[in-house]
Every structure is written in structure tokens, then in C-alpha cells.
């Protein structure tokens, strides 16, 4: 079993790579090398090794030594959406939110097409590179759908969590599908646009109660297209939520090319937005 609490992150340069590579090393408990495939790191590489898309962090390989498990990943600079919101400029302009959402949807559409669910979409797990391309990252919570729906466990971050995730944990017999990522995307849009995630004033059980019984508040200053987009993301019946592919055709996304990106986002390590 991997000791996630003792994981470290290091930048290295592989001989075959021009760009630096992010090396994540996690300590393995003695005598548990065979259990790596069942640990979070093992689950992550199982998913990532099957994926190749410009809006998903690239996996380069992994290896196990006597006491360490190494994962080699694409290094994405300047960092996460959460980092931008927290450390730099606060809330993003709608122009930036539209563009970033389009990138996230492209990654999700591809991911769902491979029958995988991310299950932990949030600003901290969405990285922005030097060209302004958003990439899905941290697949430790990812789940593969093999036809039959499985039972959800209450993992991930409650503020971005779909209500059926909470309900499934209570009932222990409710399945799930790709729609959980769409709800989380809606919460991430609020995080980007307001600088705060939904239910930011609550913790633990109180936050989960709100998730179960109320929809996140849609910002008044968001455009009518943005409000409609979020209402679709927050359909409480998962079957009524549009797919990522369908949302790519929503006016909120379709019209993103016509919005100039505010200069402040370019100051985030000098990036520009890729159309």
C-alpha cells in the first residue's frame, strides 16, 4: 500500500524529453509492494496510461523500487486554476471562464469516451500550462465504467460533489455515471467566476447536507448563457444533465471564441489563451 502522506514531488528531466517532467514519489509500506496496484497511485496510472489528449496531463511511466513508487507526469506550469484564484487575481472574468470551461469539457468528453469518470473535478485538479491550455490532472479518484454501475464511496471533496454521490453513500446501492463530473464542472465554474467554491462557509456534514438538498447559488452577474449552462449542470436528476460533448455545443461555450480574454490572466506567468 502506498503511503500518500509521505508523497513528494520533484522536477526531473528525462533523456527523451525536452521539457521537464514532474516526478511524484510515494513511500510504500514494507512488504506491501504487491498492493501498489490497488492503491490510489496504482489506480491513477491505470487510467492515465490509457489516455492521450491535449487537455489531460500526460503520463510518461512509473516504476517501483524497494521502498518507493515513482510516477512520471507532464509538468504543467504555471499551475492550477485553484492556485490562480487563491494566490493571484481572485475571481476570473467570464471571458476566461468560458475559455477554460471549453478546455475542461474537451478533456471530459475524451475521458468519458474511454468509459472513465474523473470523480474529483475542481480547481486544484485542473492545471493551466504556459499557453493557457487547461489540463485535467490527479486521477487518483478516477473510475472505469465496465458496463454495470458500481457503488460510490464518499470520496473526493464535498463542495464539488454531486448529490447522488452523497445519496449513494447513504443507501449503499445507488450507481453512478459520467454525470457526477458535469455537476462538479458547474461547481468549478462558480469557483472560477466568484473566487470561492460553493458552500465555502460550511464544513463537513453541513456542506454535505447542503449538497444533498440545495443547488449551488448561481452568480447574479453571470451572463444569461452562463446561468443557463449552470442550470443544466445542476439538474438534480443525473439522467437529465447534458453530456460533456453536448455541453460543448452550448452557447456559453460556442460563443467563447468571440470574447477577448482579459489581460490579467496573461499575467499569470505570462500565459495566453489558446482557442
Foldseek 3Di string as FASTA:
>chain_A
DWDVVQKDWDWDADPVDPDIKIKIKTWDDQPCPVCVCVALVNQQCVLQVVDDDLQAKHWDDWDDDRTMTITIIHDAPPAWLLCCCPPPDNAFDLLLLLLQLLLVLVQLVRSVVQQKAQQADARRQWGQHQARHIHGHRSSVMDGDPPDFAQADPDYDLLLFALVNVVSNVVVPDGDGNLRVLSSSLQRSCCRHRSAGFPNVDDDPVSSVCNNPHRGDDDPPDDPLNVVSSVLSNDNPSVSRDHSVVSCPRCSNVCSVVDAGDPSVCVSNNYHRDD
